[in-house]
Protein backbone atom coordinates (compact mmCIF):
# COMPACT_ATOMS: atom_id res chain seq x y z
CA MET A 1 4.15 -12.95 26.56
CA ARG A 2 7.40 -11.13 26.46
CA ALA A 3 10.43 -11.94 24.39
CA VAL A 4 13.88 -10.45 24.28
CA VAL A 5 15.14 -11.17 20.77
CA THR A 6 18.85 -10.73 20.17
CA ARG A 7 20.41 -11.10 16.75
CA VAL A 8 23.43 -13.36 17.18
CA LYS A 9 26.30 -14.81 15.18
CA SER A 10 26.09 -17.85 17.47
CA ALA A 11 24.48 -18.89 20.75
CA SER A 12 24.31 -21.92 22.99
CA VAL A 13 22.74 -23.14 26.19
CA SER A 14 24.40 -25.54 28.62
CA ILE A 15 22.85 -27.49 31.47
CA GLY A 16 25.01 -29.25 34.03
CA GLY A 17 28.17 -28.57 32.03
CA GLU A 18 26.77 -30.14 28.83
CA VAL A 19 25.72 -28.15 25.76
CA LYS A 20 22.02 -28.84 25.22
CA SER A 21 21.51 -26.68 22.11
CA SER A 22 23.53 -24.39 19.91
CA ILE A 23 22.85 -22.28 16.83
CA GLY A 24 24.80 -20.28 14.29
CA LYS A 25 23.47 -17.03 12.86
CA GLY A 26 19.99 -16.26 14.10
CA PHE A 27 18.00 -15.16 17.11
CA LEU A 28 18.55 -15.88 20.78
CA VAL A 29 15.06 -15.55 22.26
CA LEU A 30 14.43 -15.23 26.00
CA LEU A 31 10.72 -15.96 26.40
CA GLY A 32 8.54 -15.13 29.38
CA VAL A 33 4.94 -16.28 29.84
CA HIS A 34 2.47 -14.10 31.79
CA GLN A 35 -0.16 -15.69 34.04
CA ASP A 36 -2.94 -14.44 31.73
CA ASP A 37 -1.38 -15.66 28.47
CA GLY A 38 -2.98 -18.28 26.25
CA GLU A 39 -2.53 -19.88 22.85
CA ALA A 40 -3.37 -16.62 21.05
CA GLU A 41 -0.36 -14.91 22.64
CA ALA A 42 1.89 -17.86 21.81
CA LEU A 43 0.86 -17.71 18.14
CA LYS A 44 1.20 -13.92 18.02
CA ILE A 45 4.71 -13.84 19.45
CA ALA A 46 5.88 -16.78 17.31
CA ASP A 47 4.58 -15.00 14.22
CA LYS A 48 6.42 -11.80 15.17
CA ILE A 49 9.69 -13.62 15.95
CA CYS A 50 9.59 -15.55 12.66
CA GLY A 51 8.89 -12.42 10.63
CA LEU A 52 11.07 -9.83 12.38
CA ARG A 53 13.12 -8.11 9.67
CA ILE A 54 16.31 -7.23 11.54
CA PHE A 55 18.93 -8.80 9.28
CA GLU A 56 20.73 -6.48 6.89
CA ASP A 57 20.09 -6.38 3.16
CA GLU A 58 22.71 -5.59 0.48
CA ASN A 59 22.44 -1.88 1.37
CA GLY A 60 23.10 -2.43 5.08
CA LYS A 61 19.47 -1.75 6.05
CA MET A 62 17.59 -3.98 8.49
CA ASN A 63 15.14 -5.36 5.97
CA VAL A 64 15.62 -9.15 5.82
CA ASN A 65 13.50 -11.64 7.76
CA PRO A 66 15.02 -14.66 9.50
CA ALA A 67 13.85 -17.19 6.89
CA ASP A 68 15.49 -15.26 4.05
CA ALA A 69 18.63 -14.77 6.15
CA GLY A 70 18.92 -18.53 6.83
CA ALA A 71 18.61 -17.87 10.55
CA GLU A 72 18.27 -20.39 13.35
CA LEU A 73 16.47 -19.85 16.67
CA LEU A 74 17.44 -20.64 20.25
CA ILE A 75 14.45 -20.18 22.57
CA ILE A 76 15.03 -20.11 26.33
CA SER A 77 12.29 -19.89 28.97
CA GLN A 78 12.74 -16.80 31.15
CA PHE A 79 10.12 -16.24 33.86
CA THR A 80 12.10 -13.30 35.23
CA LEU A 81 10.90 -11.16 32.30
CA PHE A 82 7.76 -10.61 34.38
CA ALA A 83 9.61 -9.46 37.50
CA ASP A 84 7.91 -6.84 39.64
CA CYS A 85 10.79 -4.60 40.68
CA ARG A 86 8.96 -1.98 42.73
CA SER A 87 10.94 -3.20 45.74
CA ARG A 88 14.60 -4.13 45.74
CA ARG A 89 13.73 -7.82 45.83
CA PRO A 90 11.86 -8.73 42.63
CA GLY A 91 8.58 -10.62 42.82
CA PHE A 92 7.47 -13.03 40.13
CA SER A 93 3.76 -13.49 40.83
CA LYS A 94 2.78 -12.30 37.33
CA ALA A 95 4.80 -15.04 35.64
CA ALA A 96 2.74 -18.07 34.65
CA ARG A 97 2.96 -21.20 36.79
CA PRO A 98 4.69 -24.15 35.09
CA GLU A 99 1.41 -25.95 34.32
CA THR A 100 0.43 -22.96 32.16
CA ALA A 101 3.85 -21.76 31.00
CA ILE A 102 5.31 -25.06 29.76
CA PRO A 103 2.61 -25.82 27.15
CA LEU A 104 2.70 -22.22 25.89
CA TYR A 105 6.52 -22.20 25.72
CA GLU A 106 6.33 -25.47 23.78
CA LYS A 107 3.63 -24.01 21.49
CA VAL A 108 5.93 -21.15 20.50
CA ILE A 109 8.73 -23.63 19.75
CA GLU A 110 6.38 -25.87 17.76
CA GLU A 111 5.10 -22.91 15.75
CA CYS A 112 8.63 -21.75 14.88
CA ARG A 113 9.64 -25.27 13.85
CA SER A 114 6.50 -25.65 11.73
CA ARG A 115 7.69 -22.62 9.75
CA GLY A 116 10.92 -24.43 8.91
CA PHE A 117 13.27 -22.93 11.49
CA LYS A 118 15.93 -25.02 13.16
CA THR A 119 14.96 -24.24 16.75
CA GLY A 120 17.08 -25.15 19.74
CA THR A 121 15.80 -24.90 23.30
CA GLY A 122 16.80 -24.78 26.87
CA GLU A 123 15.03 -26.81 29.53
CA PHE A 124 12.12 -25.23 31.36
CA GLY A 125 12.99 -24.62 35.02
CA ALA A 126 16.61 -25.77 34.71
CA GLU A 127 19.69 -23.81 35.78
CA MET A 128 21.14 -22.85 32.41
CA LEU A 129 24.23 -21.09 31.16
CA VAL A 130 23.47 -19.13 28.00
CA ALA A 131 26.30 -17.92 25.79
CA SER A 132 25.95 -15.66 22.78
CA GLU A 133 27.98 -13.69 20.31
CA ASN A 134 25.68 -10.73 19.75
CA ASP A 135 25.53 -9.32 16.24
CA GLY A 136 25.28 -5.56 16.01
CA PRO A 137 24.30 -5.67 18.79
CA VAL A 138 20.64 -5.73 17.87
CA THR A 139 18.18 -6.52 20.65
CA ILE A 140 14.40 -6.11 20.39
CA LEU A 141 11.82 -6.35 23.19
CA LEU A 142 8.46 -7.84 22.20
CA ASP A 143 5.36 -7.83 24.38
CA THR A 144 2.09 -9.30 23.09
CA LYS A 145 0.15 -6.59 24.94
CA GLU A 146 1.83 -4.06 22.65
CA LEU A 147 1.80 -5.99 19.34
């Protein structure tokens, strides 16, 4: 799995002109599922997201985890994170098919919620408009093959 985690002051996702989810301070997470991913990768990336210490402490150092910062999460499915860009037209054959990706995407959401995080979502496969007010900006790329 891959995740682009951006620290935000606020973020929202709209579908068909209607806001589906919005958060205040927290993480906007774009989540991609690889064709070879399974539950172990879902648990690993959820654990990393929920423990990532990128909020500032009283000394201005990135040392505070999202739970202690009172952060919320907005998790959006993003199959394009596994784009093959060797040609000018990206291919997406390494991204998991929906029958695999949806349950794993939902597992990450469930795991984050089970840890007490308010977790908003997009809608898998929908055309979405994502808005965010980036904080810092701080953006981290996570890949379970490297964690």
